[in-house]
Protein backbone atom coordinates (compact mmCIF):
# COMPACT_ATOMS: atom_id res chain seq x y z
CA MET A 1 15.10 -7.45 -14.30
CA SER A 2 11.30 -7.78 -13.71
CA ARG A 3 9.65 -10.95 -12.30
CA ASP A 4 8.56 -12.02 -15.70
CA GLY A 5 12.18 -11.95 -16.95
CA LEU A 6 11.78 -9.19 -19.59
CA LEU A 7 14.30 -6.35 -19.71
CA ARG A 8 12.52 -2.98 -19.44
CA VAL A 9 13.42 0.64 -19.81
CA TYR A 10 14.66 2.29 -16.64
CA ASP A 11 11.73 3.79 -14.60
CA LEU A 12 12.95 6.11 -11.80
CA GLU A 13 9.58 6.15 -9.87
CA ALA A 14 9.32 2.26 -10.11
CA ALA A 15 12.84 2.14 -8.80
CA ARG A 16 12.03 4.48 -5.94
CA GLY A 17 8.99 2.37 -5.16
CA ARG A 18 10.93 -0.86 -5.14
CA ASP A 19 13.61 0.86 -2.78
CA VAL A 20 10.81 2.01 -0.47
CA LEU A 21 9.24 -1.65 -0.45
CA LEU A 22 12.62 -3.09 0.35
CA ARG A 23 13.09 -0.77 3.35
CA TYR A 24 9.51 -0.31 4.60
CA GLU A 25 9.05 -1.83 8.12
CA GLY A 26 12.40 -3.63 7.80
CA GLY A 27 11.63 -5.18 4.48
CA LYS A 28 8.54 -7.04 5.77
CA TYR A 29 6.84 -6.58 2.41
CA ARG A 30 9.81 -7.30 0.04
CA ASP A 31 8.23 -10.38 -1.39
CA GLU A 32 5.05 -8.50 -2.53
CA LEU A 33 4.47 -7.34 -6.01
CA LEU A 34 4.87 -3.52 -6.36
CA VAL A 35 1.79 -2.13 -8.19
CA CYS A 36 2.53 1.56 -7.73
CA TYR A 37 4.44 4.07 -5.56
CA PHE A 38 3.58 7.78 -5.57
CA GLU A 39 5.16 10.72 -3.83
CA LEU A 40 2.27 12.96 -2.69
CA PRO A 41 2.30 16.73 -2.84
CA SER A 42 2.86 16.76 0.98
CA THR A 43 5.80 14.90 2.56
CA ASP A 44 4.03 11.51 2.33
CA ALA A 45 4.11 8.78 -0.14
CA LEU A 46 1.62 6.07 -1.16
CA LEU A 47 2.82 2.52 -1.70
CA LEU A 48 0.48 -0.18 -3.31
CA THR A 49 1.33 -3.71 -3.57
CA ASP A 50 -0.71 -6.81 -4.56
CA LYS A 51 -1.55 -7.31 -0.84
CA HIS A 52 -1.26 -3.89 1.02
CA LEU A 53 -1.95 -0.27 0.68
CA ALA A 54 0.09 2.09 2.81
CA VAL A 55 0.60 5.90 3.29
CA MET A 56 3.75 6.69 4.91
CA GLU A 57 6.01 9.79 5.64
CA GLY A 58 8.31 9.98 2.59
CA THR A 59 11.71 10.18 4.21
CA THR A 60 11.33 8.30 7.48
CA LEU A 61 8.83 5.73 6.08
CA GLU A 62 6.70 6.15 9.25
CA THR A 63 3.35 4.49 8.68
CA ARG A 64 0.47 6.89 8.63
CA PHE A 65 -2.09 4.59 7.26
CA LYS A 66 -1.97 0.73 6.21
CA MET A 67 -4.49 -1.87 5.27
CA LYS A 68 -4.75 -4.98 3.31
CA VAL A 69 -6.03 -4.87 -0.27
CA CYS A 70 -8.47 -7.57 0.48
CA ASP A 71 -10.28 -5.32 2.96
CA ILE A 72 -10.89 -2.78 0.27
CA GLY A 73 -14.58 -2.87 -0.95
CA ALA A 74 -14.26 -0.04 -3.49
CA ALA A 75 -11.99 2.86 -4.55
CA ALA A 76 -12.87 6.07 -6.41
CA THR A 77 -11.17 9.43 -7.16
CA ARG A 78 -12.72 12.43 -5.62
CA GLY A 79 -11.22 15.68 -6.75
CA SER A 80 -7.43 15.46 -6.16
CA GLY A 81 -7.97 12.51 -3.69
CA VAL A 82 -8.95 8.86 -3.52
CA LEU A 83 -11.85 7.62 -1.59
CA VAL A 84 -11.30 4.02 -0.23
CA THR A 85 -14.33 2.18 1.07
CA LEU A 86 -13.71 -0.81 3.29
CA LYS A 87 -15.60 -4.05 3.08
CA PRO A 88 -17.94 -4.74 5.97
CA PRO A 89 -16.67 -7.41 8.40
CA SER A 90 -18.19 -10.66 7.88
CA SER A 91 -20.06 -12.27 10.73
CA SER A 92 -17.50 -15.06 11.11
CA SER A 93 -14.57 -12.74 11.55
CA SER A 94 -16.49 -10.57 13.99
CA LYS A 95 -15.91 -11.01 17.64
CA TYR A 96 -18.67 -10.02 20.10
CA PHE A 97 -17.85 -9.09 23.63
CA THR A 98 -20.42 -9.18 26.62
CA GLU A 99 -20.26 -7.55 30.02
CA ALA A 100 -19.00 -9.68 32.75
């Protein structure tokens, strides 16, 4: 049953995505809302939740790339891929180091 309590038609891709969400990094993201899950033409998979975007090896779930959704400035399709542009860091979150 979905979070909104409605009974839906079985969706194999959504079930695979939910399974990966529950197993990825030991279930660390199990309380996040699954937005989509795609198995890519390679052996990789993409997992998008309401808080994170992750690309992982599809069978071992080894992380290849991971980021917070709030850090995404824009996303656009380019041919058969997706271009993700990060937001610039805010001056309050930047850390500056000086030589000793």
